[in-house]
Amino acid sequence: MIVFVLLVIFVLLFASLAVFLFVGALVVQGYIYSEPAPQMYWRAPAAAGILTGFIGLWTLLNLAAIDPNQSEIPYDTLFRFNPTETRPVREFWSVKKEGQEEKRTRFIQRGTGEYYDEAGRPWQRSDTRGVVTAIVVDEKGQELRFEPQLTRDGNFKQGSEKFPGYFQKGGRRSMIHIGQVSLFRWGLFIGNLFLNALFFGLWFVCLWLILRFQWPHALGLAVVFWLTVTLVVLPIVLAKTYDVVRMRAVASVAADGQVLAKMCMISPSVTM
């Protein structure tokens, strides 16, 4: 159903752009020029097709890149995209120094979002036994070590909150919030800037070379139309794209559950 809604949105988007560009070009060019550009009957649909097609490619890119476990769209509009990828971890090891040795304590996340050790004690950055000098996270068999920014005396810097932030040793990841590993992705940052700039460039080219506005007028109109579509239309399309990915993920989990249930019915030994 969501896929059908997405297709309907693209059809309506193309039709609306074609009609808007056709009527708008005739009215505006008839007012500021001696007469509108000829053959506007194909120019407007062609420009609408290029713009709609680019939004379609943008959508396909997100369909391949969206993580259903994340709440953010990887390739979003200029005013909403976030190039920092953040994922929660189920467990980590809290490291404290006792003399020259390090003692590790395992903490596991509970439903409240807080982390507790095996004795049921919540995680604290420091207590009577010392300061947490590192947090260790296991990622696919590789240990990631995060350390805080401490003063020379081994204390947290002034102004540090309950969780002062831990930063990966020898890497670019960080844990600004407890249990949330973040990574600033330059490729995602550049990709978002490129997509948004290219979308603006297409508006300018379509208005200038296809609809035959003079380039100063095309540039000004491109700014207005690009902003309008970026702020109003694109968020709706990209939100539906996210819904498609989530629906696929839910359907996949449900299908796997049905297969497992059938296997259990056929052979009870599967559950042993």
C-alpha atoms as a PDB file:
ATOM      1  CA  MET A   1       0.000   0.000   0.000  1.00  0.00           C
ATOM      2  CA  ILE A   2       2.825   2.396   0.885  1.00  0.00           C
ATOM      3  CA  VAL A   3       4.544   1.653  -2.448  1.00  0.00           C
ATOM      4  CA  PHE A   4       1.314   2.447  -4.289  1.00  0.00           C
ATOM      5  CA  VAL A   5       0.994   5.723  -2.384  1.00  0.00           C
ATOM      6  CA  LEU A   6       4.582   6.574  -3.335  1.00  0.00           C
ATOM      7  CA  LEU A   7       3.860   5.921  -7.024  1.00  0.00           C
ATOM      8  CA  VAL A   8       0.733   8.089  -6.850  1.00  0.00           C
ATOM      9  CA  ILE A   9       2.780  10.882  -5.288  1.00  0.00           C
ATOM     10  CA  PHE A  10       5.264  10.781  -8.186  1.00  0.00           C
ATOM     11  CA  VAL A  11       2.484  10.825 -10.801  1.00  0.00           C
ATOM     12  CA  LEU A  12       0.818  13.776  -9.090  1.00  0.00           C
ATOM     13  CA  LEU A  13       4.181  15.488  -8.686  1.00  0.00           C
ATOM     14  CA  PHE A  14       4.963  15.196 -12.394  1.00  0.00           C
ATOM     15  CA  ALA A  15       1.483  16.384 -13.437  1.00  0.00           C
ATOM     16  CA  SER A  16       1.548  19.307 -10.988  1.00  0.00           C
ATOM     17  CA  LEU A  17       5.017  20.431 -12.080  1.00  0.00           C
ATOM     18  CA  ALA A  18       4.101  20.169 -15.764  1.00  0.00           C
ATOM     19  CA  VAL A  19       0.932  22.244 -15.359  1.00  0.00           C
ATOM     20  CA  PHE A  20       2.604  24.735 -13.027  1.00  0.00           C
ATOM     21  CA  LEU A  21       5.619  25.268 -15.308  1.00  0.00           C
ATOM     22  CA  PHE A  22       3.435  25.510 -18.418  1.00  0.00           C
ATOM     23  CA  VAL A  23       1.021  28.066 -16.994  1.00  0.00           C
ATOM     24  CA  GLY A  24       3.685  29.899 -15.022  1.00  0.00           C
ATOM     25  CA  ALA A  25       6.035  30.233 -17.990  1.00  0.00           C
ATOM     26  CA  LEU A  26       3.265  31.546 -20.243  1.00  0.00           C
ATOM     27  CA  VAL A  27       2.136  34.115 -17.670  1.00  0.00           C
ATOM     28  CA  VAL A  28       5.567  35.280 -16.476  1.00  0.00           C
ATOM     29  CA  GLN A  29       7.235  35.350 -19.894  1.00  0.00           C
ATOM     30  CA  GLY A  30       4.212  37.061 -21.409  1.00  0.00           C
ATOM     31  CA  TYR A  31       4.584  39.755 -18.756  1.00  0.00           C
ATOM     32  CA  ILE A  32       8.338  40.365 -18.669  1.00  0.00           C
ATOM     33  CA  TYR A  33       9.158  39.491 -22.307  1.00  0.00           C
ATOM     34  CA  SER A  34       7.506  40.404 -25.588  1.00  0.00           C
ATOM     35  CA  GLU A  35       6.064  36.865 -25.872  1.00  0.00           C
ATOM     36  CA  PRO A  36       6.468  33.428 -24.275  1.00  0.00           C
ATOM     37  CA  ALA A  37       8.975  30.925 -25.605  1.00  0.00           C
ATOM     38  CA  PRO A  38       7.599  28.781 -28.463  1.00  0.00           C
ATOM     39  CA  GLN A  39       6.537  25.134 -28.127  1.00  0.00           C
ATOM     40  CA  MET A  40       5.857  25.387 -24.444  1.00  0.00           C
ATOM     41  CA  TYR A  41       3.567  22.348 -24.768  1.00  0.00           C
ATOM     42  CA  TRP A  42       6.627  20.048 -24.693  1.00  0.00           C
ATOM     43  CA  ARG A  43       9.078  22.235 -22.810  1.00  0.00           C
ATOM     44  CA  ALA A  44       7.095  22.263 -19.572  1.00  0.00           C
ATOM     45  CA  PRO A  45       6.528  18.456 -19.445  1.00  0.00           C
ATOM     46  CA  ALA A  46      10.196  17.888 -20.327  1.00  0.00           C
ATOM     47  CA  ALA A  47      11.362  20.082 -17.446  1.00  0.00           C
ATOM     48  CA  ALA A  48       8.842  18.433 -15.107  1.00  0.00           C
ATOM     49  CA  GLY A  49      10.070  15.009 -16.186  1.00  0.00           C
ATOM     50  CA  ILE A  50      13.703  15.879 -15.479  1.00  0.00           C
ATOM     51  CA  LEU A  51      12.910  17.245 -12.023  1.00  0.00           C
ATOM     52  CA  THR A  52      10.574  14.370 -11.121  1.00  0.00           C
ATOM     53  CA  GLY A  53      13.102  11.845 -12.420  1.00  0.00           C
ATOM     54  CA  PHE A  54      15.827  13.317 -10.233  1.00  0.00           C
ATOM     55  CA  ILE A  55      13.584  13.109  -7.170  1.00  0.00           C
ATOM     56  CA  GLY A  56      12.929   9.494  -8.166  1.00  0.00           C
ATOM     57  CA  LEU A  57      16.669   8.760  -8.248  1.00  0.00           C
ATOM     58  CA  TRP A  58      16.997  10.465  -4.864  1.00  0.00           C
ATOM     59  CA  THR A  59      14.283   8.150  -3.555  1.00  0.00           C
ATOM     60  CA  LEU A  60      15.953   5.029  -4.980  1.00  0.00           C
ATOM     61  CA  LEU A  61      19.231   6.056  -3.370  1.00  0.00           C
ATOM     62  CA  ASN A  62      17.506   6.271  -0.006  1.00  0.00           C
ATOM     63  CA  LEU A  63      15.709   2.958  -0.533  1.00  0.00           C
ATOM     64  CA  ALA A  64      19.122   1.319  -0.814  1.00  0.00           C
ATOM     65  CA  ALA A  65      20.744   3.262   2.036  1.00  0.00           C
ATOM     66  CA  ILE A  66      18.080   3.621   4.741  1.00  0.00           C
ATOM     67  CA  ASP A  67      18.599   1.516   7.848  1.00  0.00           C
ATOM     68  CA  PRO A  68      15.158   0.584   9.256  1.00  0.00           C
ATOM     69  CA  ASN A  69      16.697   0.545  12.737  1.00  0.00           C
ATOM     70  CA  GLN A  70      17.668   4.202  12.420  1.00  0.00           C
ATOM     71  CA  SER A  71      15.205   7.081  12.685  1.00  0.00           C
ATOM     72  CA  GLU A  72      16.994   9.360  10.223  1.00  0.00           C
ATOM     73  CA  ILE A  73      17.027   9.417   6.423  1.00  0.00           C
ATOM     74  CA  PRO A  74      20.621   9.229   5.117  1.00  0.00           C
ATOM     75  CA  TYR A  75      20.100  11.472   2.078  1.00  0.00           C
ATOM     76  CA  ASP A  76      17.749  14.219   3.156  1.00  0.00           C
ATOM     77  CA  THR A  77      17.100  17.855   2.310  1.00  0.00           C
ATOM     78  CA  LEU A  78      19.732  20.501   2.975  1.00  0.00           C
ATOM     79  CA  PHE A  79      17.945  21.722   6.096  1.00  0.00           C
ATOM     80  CA  ARG A  80      17.320  18.323   7.690  1.00  0.00           C
ATOM     81  CA  PHE A  81      20.143  15.903   6.883  1.00  0.00           C
ATOM     82  CA  ASN A  82      22.435  14.652   9.618  1.00  0.00           C
ATOM     83  CA  PRO A  83      25.803  13.209   8.529  1.00  0.00           C
ATOM     84  CA  THR A  84      26.423  11.731  11.976  1.00  0.00           C
ATOM     85  CA  GLU A  85      25.459   8.075  12.185  1.00  0.00           C
ATOM     86  CA  THR A  86      24.403   7.001  15.671  1.00  0.00           C
ATOM     87  CA  ARG A  87      23.598   3.501  16.857  1.00  0.00           C
ATOM     88  CA  PRO A  88      22.808   2.164  20.336  1.00  0.00           C
ATOM     89  CA  VAL A  89      24.774  -0.696  21.859  1.00  0.00           C
ATOM     90  CA  ARG A  90      23.238  -3.451  23.931  1.00  0.00           C
ATOM     91  CA  GLU A  91      26.176  -3.769  26.304  1.00  0.00           C
ATOM     92  CA  PHE A  92      29.631  -2.402  27.050  1.00  0.00           C
ATOM     93  CA  TRP A  93      32.469  -2.770  29.552  1.00  0.00           C
ATOM     94  CA  SER A  94      33.257   0.006  31.998  1.00  0.00           C
ATOM     95  CA  VAL A  95      36.970   0.259  32.789  1.00  0.00           C
ATOM     96  CA  LYS A  96      38.447   1.550  36.047  1.00  0.00           C
ATOM     97  CA  LYS A  97      42.044   1.569  37.195  1.00  0.00           C
ATOM     98  CA  GLU A  98      42.943  -0.131  40.428  1.00  0.00           C
ATOM     99  CA  GLY A  99      46.613   0.604  40.952  1.00  0.00           C
ATOM    100  CA  GLN A 100      48.403  -0.372  37.754  1.00  0.00           C
ATOM    101  CA  GLU A 101      45.679  -2.795  36.663  1.00  0.00           C
ATOM    102  CA  GLU A 102      42.394  -2.221  34.884  1.00  0.00           C
ATOM    103  CA  LYS A 103      39.159  -3.738  36.100  1.00  0.00           C
ATOM    104  CA  ARG A 104      36.331  -4.255  33.627  1.00  0.00           C
ATOM    105  CA  THR A 105      32.660  -4.371  34.602  1.00  0.00           C
ATOM    106  CA  ARG A 106      29.991  -5.456  32.156  1.00  0.00           C
ATOM    107  CA  PHE A 107      26.930  -3.229  31.828  1.00  0.00           C
ATOM    108  CA  ILE A 108      23.748  -4.259  29.982  1.00  0.00           C
ATOM    109  CA  GLN A 109      20.952  -1.995  28.786  1.00  0.00           C
ATOM    110  CA  ARG A 110      17.537  -2.490  30.276  1.00  0.00           C
ATOM    111  CA  GLY A 111      14.119  -1.349  29.075  1.00  0.00           C
ATOM    112  CA  THR A 112      14.516   2.019  30.756  1.00  0.00           C
ATOM    113  CA  GLY A 113      17.436   2.883  28.461  1.00  0.00           C
ATOM    114  CA  GLU A 114      19.876   2.863  31.376  1.00  0.00           C
ATOM    115  CA  TYR A 115      22.758   0.443  31.847  1.00  0.00           C
ATOM    116  CA  TYR A 116      23.200  -1.825  34.882  1.00  0.00           C
ATOM    117  CA  ASP A 117      25.890  -4.259  35.974  1.00  0.00           C
ATOM    118  CA  GLU A 118      25.239  -7.850  37.043  1.00  0.00           C
ATOM    119  CA  ALA A 119      24.589  -6.702  40.615  1.00  0.00           C
ATOM    120  CA  GLY A 120      21.842  -4.332  39.411  1.00  0.00           C
ATOM    121  CA  ARG A 121      23.822  -1.143  40.000  1.00  0.00           C
ATOM    122  CA  PRO A 122      23.398   1.639  37.414  1.00  0.00           C
ATOM    123  CA  TRP A 123      26.377   2.956  35.470  1.00  0.00           C
ATOM    124  CA  GLN A 124      28.137   5.963  37.026  1.00  0.00           C
ATOM    125  CA  ARG A 125      31.110   7.838  35.672  1.00  0.00           C
ATOM    126  CA  SER A 126      32.762   7.790  39.104  1.00  0.00           C
ATOM    127  CA  ASP A 127      32.219   6.437  42.592  1.00  0.00           C
ATOM    128  CA  THR A 128      34.255   5.630  45.692  1.00  0.00           C
ATOM    129  CA  ARG A 129      36.132   2.974  43.712  1.00  0.00           C
ATOM    130  CA  GLY A 130      37.401   5.440  41.117  1.00  0.00           C
ATOM    131  CA  VAL A 131      36.718   7.112  37.792  1.00  0.00           C
ATOM    132  CA  VAL A 132      35.625   5.321  34.619  1.00  0.00           C
ATOM    133  CA  THR A 133      38.738   5.793  32.512  1.00  0.00           C
ATOM    134  CA  ALA A 134      37.394   3.982  29.445  1.00  0.00           C
ATOM    135  CA  ILE A 135      34.347   2.341  27.911  1.00  0.00           C
ATOM    136  CA  VAL A 136      34.929  -0.695  25.714  1.00  0.00           C
ATOM    137  CA  VAL A 137      32.420  -1.756  23.040  1.00  0.00           C
ATOM    138  CA  ASP A 138      32.575  -4.975  21.051  1.00  0.00           C
ATOM    139  CA  GLU A 139      31.801  -4.413  17.361  1.00  0.00           C
ATOM    140  CA  LYS A 140      31.827  -7.598  15.300  1.00  0.00           C
ATOM    141  CA  GLY A 141      34.632  -9.078  17.359  1.00  0.00           C
ATOM    142  CA  GLN A 142      36.686  -5.881  17.418  1.00  0.00           C
ATOM    143  CA  GLU A 143      37.102  -3.869  20.591  1.00  0.00           C
ATOM    144  CA  LEU A 144      36.448  -0.146  20.369  1.00  0.00           C
ATOM    145  CA  ARG A 145      37.917   1.774  23.289  1.00  0.00           C
ATOM    146  CA  PHE A 146      36.442   5.140  24.265  1.00  0.00           C
ATOM    147  CA  GLU A 147      38.184   7.429  26.724  1.00  0.00           C
ATOM    148  CA  PRO A 148      37.051  10.737  28.318  1.00  0.00           C
ATOM    149  CA  GLN A 149      38.859  14.040  28.169  1.00  0.00           C
ATOM    150  CA  LEU A 150      40.394  14.306  31.644  1.00  0.00           C
ATOM    151  CA  THR A 151      42.475  16.961  33.353  1.00  0.00           C
ATOM    152  CA  ARG A 152      46.108  16.320  34.255  1.00  0.00           C
ATOM    153  CA  ASP A 153      44.956  15.333  37.740  1.00  0.00           C
ATOM    154  CA  GLY A 154      42.805  12.560  36.253  1.00  0.00           C
ATOM    155  CA  ASN A 155      39.499  14.329  36.906  1.00  0.00           C
ATOM    156  CA  PHE A 156      36.728  15.260  34.517  1.00  0.00           C
ATOM    157  CA  LYS A 157      36.911  18.752  33.096  1.00  0.00           C
ATOM    158  CA  GLN A 158      34.871  21.459  34.767  1.00  0.00           C
ATOM    159  CA  GLY A 159      31.394  21.816  33.330  1.00  0.00           C
ATOM    160  CA  SER A 160      31.158  18.116  32.391  1.00  0.00           C
ATOM    161  CA  GLU A 161      27.652  16.762  32.813  1.00  0.00           C
ATOM    162  CA  LYS A 162      26.617  13.380  34.208  1.00  0.00           C
ATOM    163  CA  PHE A 163      27.976  11.780  31.065  1.00  0.00           C
ATOM    164  CA  PRO A 164      30.918  13.910  29.866  1.00  0.00           C
ATOM    165  CA  GLY A 165      31.457  12.156  26.561  1.00  0.00           C
ATOM    166  CA  TYR A 166      33.948   9.445  25.612  1.00  0.00           C
ATOM    167  CA  PHE A 167      35.963   9.452  22.398  1.00  0.00           C
ATOM    168  CA  GLN A 168      37.410   6.500  20.513  1.00  0.00           C
ATOM    169  CA  LYS A 169      41.100   5.988  20.954  1.00  0.00           C
ATOM    170  CA  GLY A 170      42.732   5.917  17.541  1.00  0.00           C
ATOM    171  CA  GLY A 171      39.433   6.399  15.702  1.00  0.00           C
ATOM    172  CA  ARG A 172      36.720   8.878  14.759  1.00  0.00           C
ATOM    173  CA  ARG A 173      33.799   7.502  16.744  1.00  0.00           C
ATOM    174  CA  SER A 174      32.448   9.049  19.916  1.00  0.00           C
ATOM    175  CA  MET A 175      29.968   8.307  22.679  1.00  0.00           C
ATOM    176  CA  ILE A 176      28.452  11.651  23.569  1.00  0.00           C
ATOM    177  CA  HIS A 177      25.469   9.964  25.219  1.00  0.00           C
ATOM    178  CA  ILE A 178      25.732   6.798  27.259  1.00  0.00           C
ATOM    179  CA  GLY A 179      25.484   3.719  25.035  1.00  0.00           C
ATOM    180  CA  GLN A 180      25.158   5.727  21.794  1.00  0.00           C
ATOM    181  CA  VAL A 181      28.104   5.284  19.403  1.00  0.00           C
ATOM    182  CA  SER A 182      28.329   8.103  16.841  1.00  0.00           C
ATOM    183  CA  LEU A 183      30.409   8.485  13.712  1.00  0.00           C
ATOM    184  CA  PHE A 184      30.599  11.564  11.500  1.00  0.00           C
ATOM    185  CA  ARG A 185      30.517  10.285   7.915  1.00  0.00           C
ATOM    186  CA  TRP A 186      32.213  12.633   5.472  1.00  0.00           C
ATOM    187  CA  GLY A 187      30.920  10.664   2.507  1.00  0.00           C
ATOM    188  CA  LEU A 188      27.343  11.164   3.694  1.00  0.00           C
ATOM    189  CA  PHE A 189      28.003  14.857   4.325  1.00  0.00           C
ATOM    190  CA  ILE A 190      29.419  15.448   0.835  1.00  0.00           C
ATOM    191  CA  GLY A 191      26.743  13.268  -0.764  1.00  0.00           C
ATOM    192  CA  ASN A 192      23.934  15.298   0.804  1.00  0.00           C
ATOM    193  CA  LEU A 193      25.501  18.588  -0.244  1.00  0.00           C
ATOM    194  CA  PHE A 194      26.000  17.269  -3.781  1.00  0.00           C
ATOM    195  CA  LEU A 195      22.392  16.051  -4.120  1.00  0.00           C
ATOM    196  CA  ASN A 196      20.910  19.307  -2.877  1.00  0.00           C
ATOM    197  CA  ALA A 197      23.228  21.437  -5.027  1.00  0.00           C
ATOM    198  CA  LEU A 198      22.510  19.304  -8.099  1.00  0.00           C
ATOM    199  CA  PHE A 199      18.775  19.636  -7.513  1.00  0.00           C
ATOM    200  CA  PHE A 200      19.132  23.421  -7.449  1.00  0.00           C
ATOM    201  CA  GLY A 201      21.281  23.255 -10.581  1.00  0.00           C
ATOM    202  CA  LEU A 202      18.585  21.264 -12.392  1.00  0.00           C
ATOM    203  CA  TRP A 203      16.006  23.886 -11.554  1.00  0.00           C
ATOM    204  CA  PHE A 204      18.250  26.570 -12.991  1.00  0.00           C
ATOM    205  CA  VAL A 205      19.033  24.581 -16.162  1.00  0.00           C
ATOM    206  CA  CYS A 206      15.388  23.686 -16.757  1.00  0.00           C
ATOM    207  CA  LEU A 207      14.231  27.275 -16.360  1.00  0.00           C
ATOM    208  CA  TRP A 208      17.079  28.692 -18.440  1.00  0.00           C
ATOM    209  CA  LEU A 209      17.724  26.210 -21.257  1.00  0.00           C
ATOM    210  CA  ILE A 210      14.394  24.397 -21.549  1.00  0.00           C
ATOM    211  CA  LEU A 211      11.784  26.985 -20.591  1.00  0.00           C
ATOM    212  CA  ARG A 212      13.974  29.729 -22.112  1.00  0.00           C
ATOM    213  CA  PHE A 213      14.000  32.270 -19.300  1.00  0.00           C
ATOM    214  CA  GLN A 214      16.908  34.701 -19.374  1.00  0.00           C
ATOM    215  CA  TRP A 215      19.583  33.436 -16.999  1.00  0.00           C
ATOM    216  CA  PRO A 216      19.157  36.155 -14.302  1.00  0.00           C
ATOM    217  CA  HIS A 217      15.420  35.469 -14.180  1.00  0.00           C
ATOM    218  CA  ALA A 218      16.044  31.714 -14.259  1.00  0.00           C
ATOM    219  CA  LEU A 219      18.463  31.988 -11.338  1.00  0.00           C
ATOM    220  CA  GLY A 220      16.030  33.984  -9.198  1.00  0.00           C
ATOM    221  CA  LEU A 221      13.111  31.702  -9.974  1.00  0.00           C
ATOM    222  CA  ALA A 222      15.296  28.633  -9.324  1.00  0.00           C
ATOM    223  CA  VAL A 223      16.023  29.876  -5.801  1.00  0.00           C
ATOM    224  CA  VAL A 224      12.298  30.317  -5.071  1.00  0.00           C
ATOM    225  CA  PHE A 225      11.148  27.025  -6.592  1.00  0.00           C
ATOM    226  CA  TRP A 226      14.050  25.018  -5.149  1.00  0.00           C
ATOM    227  CA  LEU A 227      13.351  26.341  -1.657  1.00  0.00           C
ATOM    228  CA  THR A 228       9.617  25.653  -1.963  1.00  0.00           C
ATOM    229  CA  VAL A 229      10.038  22.071  -3.150  1.00  0.00           C
ATOM    230  CA  THR A 230      12.857  21.404  -0.666  1.00  0.00           C
ATOM    231  CA  LEU A 231      10.856  22.642   2.303  1.00  0.00           C
ATOM    232  CA  VAL A 232       7.395  21.375   1.348  1.00  0.00           C
ATOM    233  CA  VAL A 233       7.457  18.550  -1.214  1.00  0.00           C
ATOM    234  CA  LEU A 234      10.680  16.607  -0.628  1.00  0.00           C
ATOM    235  CA  PRO A 235      10.062  15.939   3.100  1.00  0.00           C
ATOM    236  CA  ILE A 236       6.763  14.242   2.197  1.00  0.00           C
ATOM    237  CA  VAL A 237       8.319  12.069  -0.518  1.00  0.00           C
ATOM    238  CA  LEU A 238      11.304  11.079   1.623  1.00  0.00           C
ATOM    239  CA  ALA A 239       9.073  10.297   4.607  1.00  0.00           C
ATOM    240  CA  LYS A 240       7.062   7.894   2.432  1.00  0.00           C
ATOM    241  CA  THR A 241      10.339   6.349   1.272  1.00  0.00           C
ATOM    242  CA  TYR A 242      11.264   5.692   4.892  1.00  0.00           C
ATOM    243  CA  ASP A 243       7.840   4.118   5.441  1.00  0.00           C
ATOM    244  CA  VAL A 244       8.454   1.746   2.517  1.00  0.00           C
ATOM    245  CA  VAL A 245      11.726   0.543   4.047  1.00  0.00           C
ATOM    246  CA  ARG A 246      10.144   0.062   7.471  1.00  0.00           C
ATOM    247  CA  MET A 247       7.211  -1.847   5.987  1.00  0.00           C
ATOM    248  CA  ARG A 248       9.610  -4.129   4.099  1.00  0.00           C
ATOM    249  CA  ALA A 249      11.582  -4.776   7.275  1.00  0.00           C
ATOM    250  CA  VAL A 250       8.419  -5.611   9.241  1.00  0.00           C
ATOM    251  CA  ALA A 251       7.180  -7.890   6.441  1.00  0.00           C
ATOM    252  CA  SER A 252      10.551  -9.647   6.326  1.00  0.00           C
ATOM    253  CA  VAL A 253      10.530 -10.298  10.083  1.00  0.00           C
ATOM    254  CA  ALA A 254       6.936 -11.559   9.904  1.00  0.00           C
ATOM    255  CA  ALA A 255       7.819 -13.884   7.016  1.00  0.00           C
ATOM    256  CA  ASP A 256      10.799 -15.290   8.917  1.00  0.00           C
ATOM    257  CA  GLY A 257       8.567 -15.882  11.922  1.00  0.00           C
ATOM    258  CA  GLN A 258       6.009 -17.760   9.830  1.00  0.00           C
ATOM    259  CA  VAL A 259       8.710 -19.973   8.314  1.00  0.00           C
ATOM    260  CA  LEU A 260      10.088 -20.785  11.776  1.00  0.00           C
ATOM    261  CA  ALA A 261       6.590 -21.552  13.061  1.00  0.00           C
ATOM    262  CA  LYS A 262       5.952 -23.954  10.152  1.00  0.00           C
ATOM    263  CA  MET A 263       9.273 -25.689  10.788  1.00  0.00           C
ATOM    264  CA  CYS A 264       8.380 -26.151  14.454  1.00  0.00           C
ATOM    265  CA  MET A 265       5.001 -27.650  13.509  1.00  0.00           C
ATOM    266  CA  ILE A 266       6.617 -30.091  11.071  1.00  0.00           C
ATOM    267  CA  SER A 267       9.469 -31.096  13.356  1.00  0.00           C
ATOM    268  CA  PRO A 268       9.276 -30.446  17.122  1.00  0.00           C
ATOM    269  CA  SER A 269      12.987 -31.235  17.344  1.00  0.00           C
ATOM    270  CA  VAL A 270      13.711 -27.828  15.758  1.00  0.00           C
ATOM    271  CA  THR A 271      12.952 -26.158  19.080  1.00  0.00           C
ATOM    272  CA  MET A 272      15.302 -28.396  21.011  1.00  0.00           C
END
